[in-house]
Amino acid sequence: GSFNQNGIARCVLDKGTSQRERTYGRSITEADCDAEDGEWVTFHSYLEILEDEDTEAKCNAVAATDTRNKVSWMSLRSDETADSDKKCVVQAPELDCTDAPWTRVNHNGNSPDSQGNASRYDSVLPYFPSGDDKRCVMRLRYNISTDDYDPYQTDSNDNQNIQEGI
C-alpha cells in the first residue's frame, strides 16, 4: 500500500528532547531494530490536522460528511498511545491507479468511444477542510513508443550524428 493511507515504520533510537531532534537507526526490519535497541515506530502521513475537532465525536462528525478524504481520530505515531496524543487527522484519498484509455500507438487524440471524445483523465485535486492555502505537486508522465527509427538497427552510435541530422 501507499504511504497515503498506510503508515511507514522506522527504527527510533532516541525520542530526542526540546533541544535535540530524535535519532533513527539504520534498521529496516523490526527484528534488526530490536537488535539495535531501538523502538519500531509506525508514522502516519496526513494532509492536515483539524485542530478545532478536539474530540473523537467532533472528528467523527467531520468524517461522516467528508466524502473526499479519510478523516480519522488517531495518533500520528504508533508509540503515542494515550488518548491525549490522538488528533483529528485528514489523510489523502485513496490513490486512483487505473489503466489509461486505449488509443492506437502514438495517437494523442481521440479514443475509440462512441462519442469521439479525446483521451483524458479527470483528476480530483486534494481537498483541505481547513480551507488553508497549500502547495501541491502534480507529476505527469508520458511514455512514448515510436517507429521513427528501425528498432533493430538503431543504437547509441546513432545519437547526435550531426552529419546525418540526428
N, C-alpha and C. Protein backbone atom coordinates (compact mmCIF):
# COMPACT_ATOMS: atom_id res chain seq x y z
N GLY A 1 0.79 -1.18 0.00
CA GLY A 1 0.00 0.00 0.00
C GLY A 1 0.84 1.26 0.00
N SER A 2 0.20 2.32 -0.25
CA SER A 2 0.84 3.63 -0.35
C SER A 2 0.95 4.28 1.02
N PHE A 3 1.95 5.15 1.18
CA PHE A 3 2.10 5.93 2.40
C PHE A 3 0.94 6.92 2.54
N ASN A 4 0.17 7.14 1.45
CA ASN A 4 -1.03 7.99 1.53
C ASN A 4 -1.97 7.50 2.62
N GLN A 5 -2.18 6.19 2.67
CA GLN A 5 -3.16 5.62 3.59
C GLN A 5 -2.53 4.76 4.68
N ASN A 6 -1.39 4.17 4.41
CA ASN A 6 -0.77 3.26 5.35
C ASN A 6 0.45 3.91 5.98
N GLY A 7 0.69 3.57 7.22
CA GLY A 7 1.85 4.12 7.90
C GLY A 7 3.14 3.51 7.38
N ILE A 8 4.24 4.15 7.74
CA ILE A 8 5.56 3.64 7.40
C ILE A 8 6.36 3.55 8.70
N ALA A 9 7.05 2.43 8.89
CA ALA A 9 7.76 2.20 10.14
C ALA A 9 9.23 2.58 10.03
N ARG A 10 9.76 3.06 11.15
CA ARG A 10 11.19 3.41 11.25
C ARG A 10 11.68 2.98 12.62
N CYS A 11 12.96 2.77 12.69
CA CYS A 11 13.60 2.41 13.96
C CYS A 11 14.02 3.68 14.68
N VAL A 12 13.36 3.97 15.80
CA VAL A 12 13.66 5.17 16.59
C VAL A 12 14.57 4.76 17.74
N LEU A 13 15.77 5.35 17.78
CA LEU A 13 16.73 5.03 18.83
C LEU A 13 16.54 5.92 20.05
N ASP A 14 16.18 7.17 19.80
CA ASP A 14 16.09 8.15 20.87
C ASP A 14 15.00 9.14 20.47
N LYS A 15 14.05 9.39 21.36
CA LYS A 15 12.94 10.29 21.03
C LYS A 15 13.35 11.76 21.01
N GLY A 16 14.57 12.06 21.43
CA GLY A 16 15.02 13.44 21.40
C GLY A 16 14.46 14.25 22.55
N THR A 17 14.77 15.53 22.51
CA THR A 17 14.30 16.46 23.55
C THR A 17 13.89 17.74 22.85
N SER A 18 13.47 18.73 23.62
CA SER A 18 13.12 20.01 23.02
C SER A 18 14.37 20.70 22.44
N GLN A 19 15.54 20.28 22.89
CA GLN A 19 16.79 20.87 22.43
C GLN A 19 17.42 20.08 21.26
N ARG A 20 16.99 18.83 21.07
CA ARG A 20 17.67 17.97 20.11
C ARG A 20 16.65 17.08 19.40
N GLU A 21 16.86 16.88 18.10
CA GLU A 21 15.99 16.02 17.30
C GLU A 21 16.11 14.56 17.74
N ARG A 22 15.09 13.77 17.47
CA ARG A 22 15.19 12.33 17.74
C ARG A 22 16.19 11.71 16.76
N THR A 23 16.70 10.56 17.12
CA THR A 23 17.66 9.87 16.25
C THR A 23 17.06 8.56 15.78
N TYR A 24 17.42 8.19 14.56
CA TYR A 24 16.90 6.98 13.94
C TYR A 24 18.01 5.98 13.73
N GLY A 25 17.66 4.70 13.78
CA GLY A 25 18.62 3.65 13.49
C GLY A 25 18.66 3.37 12.00
N ARG A 26 19.51 2.45 11.63
CA ARG A 26 19.67 2.06 10.22
C ARG A 26 18.78 0.88 9.85
N SER A 27 18.17 0.27 10.83
CA SER A 27 17.42 -0.96 10.61
C SER A 27 16.21 -0.74 9.71
N ILE A 28 15.94 -1.75 8.88
CA ILE A 28 14.76 -1.70 8.02
C ILE A 28 13.77 -2.80 8.34
N THR A 29 14.05 -3.58 9.39
CA THR A 29 13.10 -4.57 9.87
C THR A 29 12.95 -4.41 11.38
N GLU A 30 11.84 -4.88 11.90
CA GLU A 30 11.60 -4.75 13.34
C GLU A 30 12.61 -5.58 14.13
N ALA A 31 12.96 -6.76 13.64
CA ALA A 31 13.93 -7.61 14.34
C ALA A 31 15.30 -6.92 14.42
N ASP A 32 15.73 -6.31 13.32
CA ASP A 32 17.01 -5.59 13.33
C ASP A 32 16.95 -4.38 14.25
N CYS A 33 15.80 -3.74 14.30
CA CYS A 33 15.63 -2.58 15.19
C CYS A 33 15.76 -3.01 16.65
N ASP A 34 15.16 -4.15 16.99
CA ASP A 34 15.28 -4.68 18.35
C ASP A 34 16.74 -4.94 18.69
N ALA A 35 17.48 -5.51 17.74
CA ALA A 35 18.91 -5.79 17.96
C ALA A 35 19.70 -4.51 18.14
N GLU A 36 19.21 -3.41 17.57
CA GLU A 36 19.87 -2.11 17.66
C GLU A 36 19.41 -1.34 18.91
N ASP A 37 18.58 -2.01 19.73
CA ASP A 37 17.98 -1.41 20.94
C ASP A 37 17.12 -0.20 20.60
N GLY A 38 16.44 -0.28 19.46
CA GLY A 38 15.54 0.79 19.07
C GLY A 38 14.10 0.39 19.28
N GLU A 39 13.22 1.32 18.97
CA GLU A 39 11.77 1.05 19.04
C GLU A 39 11.21 1.18 17.63
N TRP A 40 10.50 0.15 17.17
CA TRP A 40 9.92 0.12 15.84
C TRP A 40 8.63 0.94 15.88
N VAL A 41 8.62 2.10 15.22
CA VAL A 41 7.51 3.04 15.32
C VAL A 41 6.91 3.25 13.93
N THR A 42 5.59 3.18 13.86
CA THR A 42 4.88 3.46 12.61
C THR A 42 4.43 4.91 12.61
N PHE A 43 4.77 5.63 11.54
CA PHE A 43 4.38 7.02 11.36
C PHE A 43 3.30 7.08 10.29
N HIS A 44 2.30 7.93 10.48
CA HIS A 44 1.20 8.04 9.52
C HIS A 44 1.26 9.39 8.81
N SER A 45 1.06 9.38 7.52
CA SER A 45 1.05 10.63 6.76
C SER A 45 -0.33 11.26 6.85
N TYR A 46 -0.39 12.54 6.57
CA TYR A 46 -1.67 13.25 6.62
C TYR A 46 -1.59 14.53 5.81
N LEU A 47 -2.75 15.00 5.38
CA LEU A 47 -2.82 16.28 4.68
C LEU A 47 -2.81 17.43 5.68
N GLU A 48 -3.58 17.26 6.73
CA GLU A 48 -3.62 18.29 7.77
C GLU A 48 -4.27 17.73 9.02
N ILE A 49 -4.08 18.45 10.10
CA ILE A 49 -4.71 18.11 11.37
C ILE A 49 -5.79 19.15 11.63
N LEU A 50 -6.99 18.71 11.93
CA LEU A 50 -8.09 19.62 12.24
C LEU A 50 -8.07 19.93 13.74
N GLU A 51 -7.41 21.01 14.09
CA GLU A 51 -7.19 21.37 15.49
C GLU A 51 -8.50 21.68 16.23
N ASP A 52 -9.50 22.22 15.53
CA ASP A 52 -10.77 22.56 16.19
C ASP A 52 -11.59 21.33 16.55
N GLU A 53 -11.33 20.23 15.86
CA GLU A 53 -12.05 18.97 16.14
C GLU A 53 -11.24 18.23 17.20
N ASP A 54 -11.40 18.62 18.47
CA ASP A 54 -10.52 18.14 19.53
C ASP A 54 -11.09 16.98 20.34
N THR A 55 -12.18 16.38 19.84
CA THR A 55 -12.71 15.17 20.47
C THR A 55 -13.03 14.16 19.38
N GLU A 56 -13.11 12.92 19.77
CA GLU A 56 -13.42 11.87 18.80
C GLU A 56 -14.80 12.09 18.19
N ALA A 57 -15.75 12.54 18.98
CA ALA A 57 -17.11 12.78 18.47
C ALA A 57 -17.12 13.88 17.40
N LYS A 58 -16.40 14.98 17.65
CA LYS A 58 -16.33 16.05 16.66
C LYS A 58 -15.64 15.57 15.38
N CYS A 59 -14.59 14.80 15.56
CA CYS A 59 -13.85 14.29 14.40
C CYS A 59 -14.73 13.34 13.59
N ASN A 60 -15.46 12.46 14.26
CA ASN A 60 -16.35 11.53 13.57
C ASN A 60 -17.46 12.26 12.82
N ALA A 61 -17.90 13.40 13.36
CA ALA A 61 -18.92 14.20 12.67
C ALA A 61 -18.37 14.73 11.35
N VAL A 62 -17.12 15.20 11.35
CA VAL A 62 -16.48 15.67 10.11
C VAL A 62 -16.30 14.50 9.15
N ALA A 63 -15.85 13.36 9.67
CA ALA A 63 -15.63 12.18 8.84
C ALA A 63 -16.92 11.73 8.14
N ALA A 64 -18.04 11.89 8.82
CA ALA A 64 -19.33 11.47 8.26
C ALA A 64 -19.76 12.34 7.08
N THR A 65 -19.26 13.58 7.05
CA THR A 65 -19.69 14.49 5.98
C THR A 65 -18.64 14.68 4.88
N ASP A 66 -17.40 14.26 5.12
CA ASP A 66 -16.32 14.44 4.14
C ASP A 66 -16.21 13.17 3.29
N THR A 67 -16.66 13.25 2.06
CA THR A 67 -16.62 12.09 1.18
C THR A 67 -15.35 12.04 0.34
N ARG A 68 -14.51 13.08 0.44
CA ARG A 68 -13.32 13.15 -0.41
C ARG A 68 -12.08 12.58 0.26
N ASN A 69 -11.97 12.72 1.55
CA ASN A 69 -10.77 12.31 2.27
C ASN A 69 -11.12 11.26 3.32
N LYS A 70 -10.08 10.67 3.85
CA LYS A 70 -10.24 9.78 5.00
C LYS A 70 -9.95 10.64 6.23
N VAL A 71 -10.93 10.83 7.09
CA VAL A 71 -10.77 11.62 8.32
C VAL A 71 -10.87 10.65 9.49
N SER A 72 -9.84 10.65 10.34
CA SER A 72 -9.77 9.67 11.43
C SER A 72 -9.31 10.32 12.72
N TRP A 73 -9.82 9.81 13.83
CA TRP A 73 -9.35 10.17 15.16
C TRP A 73 -8.24 9.18 15.48
N MET A 74 -7.00 9.64 15.49
CA MET A 74 -5.89 8.70 15.60
C MET A 74 -4.62 9.37 16.12
N SER A 75 -3.66 8.55 16.48
CA SER A 75 -2.32 9.03 16.82
C SER A 75 -1.52 9.08 15.53
N LEU A 76 -0.57 10.00 15.46
CA LEU A 76 0.26 10.13 14.28
C LEU A 76 1.40 9.12 14.27
N ARG A 77 1.68 8.54 15.42
CA ARG A 77 2.75 7.54 15.53
C ARG A 77 2.29 6.43 16.47
N SER A 78 2.77 5.23 16.21
CA SER A 78 2.31 4.08 16.98
C SER A 78 2.78 4.08 18.43
N ASP A 79 3.81 4.86 18.77
CA ASP A 79 4.28 4.90 20.15
C ASP A 79 3.57 5.97 20.98
N GLU A 80 2.62 6.66 20.37
CA GLU A 80 1.79 7.62 21.09
C GLU A 80 0.44 6.97 21.32
N THR A 81 0.24 6.40 22.49
CA THR A 81 -0.96 5.59 22.73
C THR A 81 -1.97 6.25 23.67
N ALA A 82 -1.60 7.32 24.32
CA ALA A 82 -2.52 7.99 25.24
C ALA A 82 -3.62 8.69 24.45
N ASP A 83 -4.80 8.79 25.03
CA ASP A 83 -5.90 9.49 24.36
C ASP A 83 -5.52 10.94 24.05
N SER A 84 -4.68 11.54 24.90
CA SER A 84 -4.28 12.93 24.67
C SER A 84 -3.38 13.08 23.44
N ASP A 85 -2.82 11.98 22.95
CA ASP A 85 -1.97 12.02 21.75
C ASP A 85 -2.79 11.99 20.46
N LYS A 86 -4.06 11.65 20.57
CA LYS A 86 -4.89 11.50 19.36
C LYS A 86 -5.34 12.84 18.83
N LYS A 87 -5.47 12.88 17.51
CA LYS A 87 -5.87 14.11 16.82
C LYS A 87 -6.84 13.75 15.69
N CYS A 88 -7.56 14.75 15.22
CA CYS A 88 -8.44 14.56 14.06
C CYS A 88 -7.58 14.79 12.82
N VAL A 89 -7.29 13.72 12.12
CA VAL A 89 -6.32 13.72 11.03
C VAL A 89 -7.02 13.54 9.69
N VAL A 90 -6.66 14.39 8.73
CA VAL A 90 -7.18 14.27 7.37
C VAL A 90 -6.10 13.62 6.53
N GLN A 91 -6.39 12.42 6.04
CA GLN A 91 -5.46 11.73 5.17
C GLN A 91 -5.90 11.92 3.72
N ALA A 92 -4.96 11.74 2.82
CA ALA A 92 -5.27 11.86 1.39
C ALA A 92 -6.25 10.77 0.97
N PRO A 93 -7.02 11.02 -0.08
CA PRO A 93 -7.92 9.98 -0.56
C PRO A 93 -7.13 8.80 -1.12
N GLU A 94 -7.82 7.70 -1.30
CA GLU A 94 -7.20 6.52 -1.91
C GLU A 94 -6.62 6.90 -3.26
N LEU A 95 -5.48 6.30 -3.60
CA LEU A 95 -4.90 6.53 -4.92
C LEU A 95 -5.78 5.92 -5.99
N ASP A 96 -5.83 6.56 -7.13
CA ASP A 96 -6.62 6.06 -8.26
C ASP A 96 -5.66 5.52 -9.31
N CYS A 97 -5.37 4.24 -9.22
CA CYS A 97 -4.47 3.60 -10.18
C CYS A 97 -5.33 2.84 -11.19
N THR A 98 -5.46 3.41 -12.36
CA THR A 98 -6.30 2.81 -13.39
C THR A 98 -5.53 2.74 -14.70
N ASP A 99 -6.00 1.89 -15.59
CA ASP A 99 -5.43 1.83 -16.93
C ASP A 99 -5.86 3.06 -17.71
N ALA A 100 -4.97 3.55 -18.54
CA ALA A 100 -5.31 4.66 -19.43
C ALA A 100 -6.25 4.14 -20.51
N PRO A 101 -7.09 5.00 -21.09
CA PRO A 101 -7.94 4.53 -22.17
C PRO A 101 -7.08 4.10 -23.36
N TRP A 102 -7.53 3.10 -24.06
CA TRP A 102 -6.77 2.59 -25.19
C TRP A 102 -6.82 3.58 -26.35
N THR A 103 -5.68 3.78 -26.99
CA THR A 103 -5.60 4.52 -28.25
C THR A 103 -4.56 3.80 -29.09
N ARG A 104 -4.54 4.10 -30.37
CA ARG A 104 -3.50 3.48 -31.19
C ARG A 104 -2.16 4.08 -30.81
N VAL A 105 -1.07 3.44 -31.16
CA VAL A 105 0.27 3.85 -30.80
C VAL A 105 0.53 5.29 -31.22
N ASN A 106 1.07 6.07 -30.31
CA ASN A 106 1.45 7.47 -30.53
C ASN A 106 0.31 8.35 -31.03
N HIS A 107 -0.88 8.00 -30.68
CA HIS A 107 -2.03 8.80 -31.11
C HIS A 107 -2.57 9.53 -29.88
N ASN A 108 -2.21 10.77 -29.75
CA ASN A 108 -2.65 11.57 -28.60
C ASN A 108 -3.92 12.33 -28.95
N GLY A 109 -4.91 11.63 -29.38
CA GLY A 109 -6.12 12.30 -29.82
C GLY A 109 -7.34 11.55 -29.35
N ASN A 110 -8.22 11.24 -30.28
CA ASN A 110 -9.50 10.63 -29.92
C ASN A 110 -9.33 9.19 -29.45
N SER A 111 -10.14 8.84 -28.50
CA SER A 111 -10.17 7.46 -28.03
C SER A 111 -11.33 6.77 -28.75
N PRO A 112 -11.36 5.47 -28.73
CA PRO A 112 -12.37 4.75 -29.51
C PRO A 112 -13.75 4.66 -28.86
N ASP A 113 -14.16 5.67 -28.08
CA ASP A 113 -15.51 5.61 -27.54
C ASP A 113 -16.50 6.09 -28.60
N SER A 114 -17.74 5.89 -28.37
CA SER A 114 -18.75 6.19 -29.40
C SER A 114 -19.00 7.69 -29.59
N GLN A 115 -18.53 8.52 -28.64
CA GLN A 115 -18.73 9.96 -28.74
C GLN A 115 -17.57 10.68 -29.42
N GLY A 116 -16.47 10.00 -29.71
CA GLY A 116 -15.32 10.64 -30.32
C GLY A 116 -14.59 11.57 -29.36
N ASN A 117 -14.67 11.29 -28.07
CA ASN A 117 -14.02 12.13 -27.07
C ASN A 117 -12.51 11.94 -27.08
N ALA A 118 -11.80 12.98 -26.73
CA ALA A 118 -10.34 12.89 -26.60
C ALA A 118 -9.99 12.05 -25.39
N SER A 119 -8.87 11.35 -25.48
CA SER A 119 -8.38 10.59 -24.33
C SER A 119 -8.08 11.57 -23.21
N ARG A 120 -8.46 11.21 -22.00
CA ARG A 120 -8.26 12.13 -20.89
C ARG A 120 -8.38 11.37 -19.57
N TYR A 121 -7.97 12.05 -18.55
CA TYR A 121 -8.16 11.57 -17.19
C TYR A 121 -8.70 12.73 -16.37
N ASP A 122 -9.82 12.56 -15.75
CA ASP A 122 -10.39 13.60 -14.91
C ASP A 122 -9.82 13.42 -13.50
N SER A 123 -8.92 14.31 -13.14
CA SER A 123 -8.28 14.20 -11.82
C SER A 123 -9.09 14.99 -10.79
N VAL A 124 -8.93 14.60 -9.55
CA VAL A 124 -9.56 15.28 -8.44
C VAL A 124 -8.45 15.86 -7.57
N LEU A 125 -8.45 17.16 -7.41
CA LEU A 125 -7.43 17.80 -6.59
C LEU A 125 -7.68 17.52 -5.11
N PRO A 126 -6.62 17.46 -4.33
CA PRO A 126 -6.83 17.23 -2.89
C PRO A 126 -7.69 18.33 -2.28
N TYR A 127 -8.49 17.93 -1.32
CA TYR A 127 -9.36 18.86 -0.63
C TYR A 127 -8.87 19.00 0.80
N PHE A 128 -8.72 20.24 1.25
CA PHE A 128 -8.26 20.52 2.60
C PHE A 128 -9.40 21.18 3.36
N PRO A 129 -10.02 20.46 4.31
CA PRO A 129 -11.17 21.01 5.02
C PRO A 129 -10.92 22.35 5.70
N SER A 130 -9.69 22.64 6.09
CA SER A 130 -9.42 23.90 6.77
C SER A 130 -9.58 25.09 5.85
N GLY A 131 -9.47 24.87 4.54
CA GLY A 131 -9.54 25.97 3.59
C GLY A 131 -8.23 26.74 3.48
N ASP A 132 -7.20 26.31 4.21
CA ASP A 132 -5.90 26.97 4.13
C ASP A 132 -5.26 26.70 2.77
N ASP A 133 -4.53 27.71 2.27
CA ASP A 133 -3.78 27.52 1.03
C ASP A 133 -2.68 26.49 1.25
N LYS A 134 -2.51 25.60 0.28
CA LYS A 134 -1.48 24.56 0.35
C LYS A 134 -0.74 24.50 -0.97
N ARG A 135 0.45 23.97 -0.93
CA ARG A 135 1.22 23.74 -2.15
C ARG A 135 0.99 22.30 -2.59
N CYS A 136 0.73 22.11 -3.86
CA CYS A 136 0.51 20.77 -4.40
C CYS A 136 1.45 20.56 -5.58
N VAL A 137 1.81 19.33 -5.80
CA VAL A 137 2.65 18.95 -6.93
C VAL A 137 1.91 17.88 -7.71
N MET A 138 1.85 18.06 -9.01
CA MET A 138 1.26 17.04 -9.86
C MET A 138 2.35 16.50 -10.77
N ARG A 139 2.53 15.21 -10.74
CA ARG A 139 3.55 14.58 -11.57
C ARG A 139 2.86 13.92 -12.75
N LEU A 140 3.21 14.37 -13.93
CA LEU A 140 2.66 13.79 -15.15
C LEU A 140 3.77 13.05 -15.88
N ARG A 141 3.45 11.89 -16.38
CA ARG A 141 4.43 11.12 -17.13
C ARG A 141 3.83 10.73 -18.47
N TYR A 142 4.69 10.70 -19.44
CA TYR A 142 4.26 10.29 -20.77
C TYR A 142 5.29 9.33 -21.33
N ASN A 143 4.84 8.15 -21.65
CA ASN A 143 5.72 7.15 -22.25
C ASN A 143 5.41 7.08 -23.73
N ILE A 144 6.42 7.07 -24.54
CA ILE A 144 6.21 7.05 -25.98
C ILE A 144 6.96 5.86 -26.59
N SER A 145 6.31 5.25 -27.52
CA SER A 145 6.98 4.24 -28.33
C SER A 145 6.85 4.74 -29.77
N THR A 146 7.85 4.51 -30.56
CA THR A 146 7.84 5.10 -31.89
C THR A 146 8.47 4.17 -32.91
N ASP A 147 8.00 4.30 -34.13
CA ASP A 147 8.59 3.56 -35.25
C ASP A 147 9.34 4.50 -36.17
N ASP A 148 9.78 5.65 -35.63
CA ASP A 148 10.53 6.61 -36.43
C ASP A 148 11.90 6.06 -36.81
N TYR A 149 12.43 5.14 -36.00
CA TYR A 149 13.74 4.56 -36.24
C TYR A 149 13.61 3.05 -36.31
N ASP A 150 14.46 2.43 -37.06
CA ASP A 150 14.49 0.97 -37.15
C ASP A 150 14.89 0.41 -35.78
N PRO A 151 14.02 -0.33 -35.11
CA PRO A 151 14.32 -0.80 -33.76
C PRO A 151 15.45 -1.83 -33.71
N TYR A 152 15.76 -2.44 -34.85
CA TYR A 152 16.80 -3.48 -34.85
C TYR A 152 18.16 -2.94 -35.30
N GLN A 153 18.16 -1.79 -35.97
CA GLN A 153 19.40 -1.24 -36.50
C GLN A 153 19.86 0.04 -35.79
N THR A 154 19.05 0.59 -34.89
CA THR A 154 19.37 1.84 -34.22
C THR A 154 19.90 1.56 -32.83
N ASP A 155 21.04 2.16 -32.49
CA ASP A 155 21.59 2.04 -31.15
C ASP A 155 22.27 3.35 -30.76
N SER A 156 23.04 3.35 -29.67
CA SER A 156 23.63 4.59 -29.18
C SER A 156 24.62 5.21 -30.16
N ASN A 157 25.13 4.44 -31.11
CA ASN A 157 26.04 5.00 -32.11
C ASN A 157 25.34 6.02 -33.00
N ASP A 158 24.00 5.99 -33.01
CA ASP A 158 23.23 6.91 -33.85
C ASP A 158 22.89 8.22 -33.13
N ASN A 159 23.24 8.35 -31.85
CA ASN A 159 22.94 9.56 -31.09
C ASN A 159 23.78 10.73 -31.57
N GLN A 160 23.17 11.88 -31.71
CA GLN A 160 23.82 13.15 -32.06
C GLN A 160 24.80 13.01 -33.22
N ASN A 161 24.32 12.42 -34.29
CA ASN A 161 25.13 12.34 -35.52
C ASN A 161 24.79 13.58 -36.34
N ILE A 162 25.55 14.64 -36.13
CA ILE A 162 25.26 15.94 -36.76
C ILE A 162 25.31 15.83 -38.29
N GLN A 163 26.22 15.05 -38.81
CA GLN A 163 26.33 14.92 -40.26
C GLN A 163 25.10 14.26 -40.86
N GLU A 164 24.44 13.39 -40.08
CA GLU A 164 23.22 12.74 -40.55
C GLU A 164 21.97 13.51 -40.14
N GLY A 165 22.13 14.61 -39.40
CA GLY A 165 20.99 15.41 -38.96
C GLY A 165 20.23 14.80 -37.81
N ILE A 166 20.91 14.00 -37.04
CA ILE A 166 20.25 13.34 -35.90
C ILE A 166 20.78 13.90 -34.60
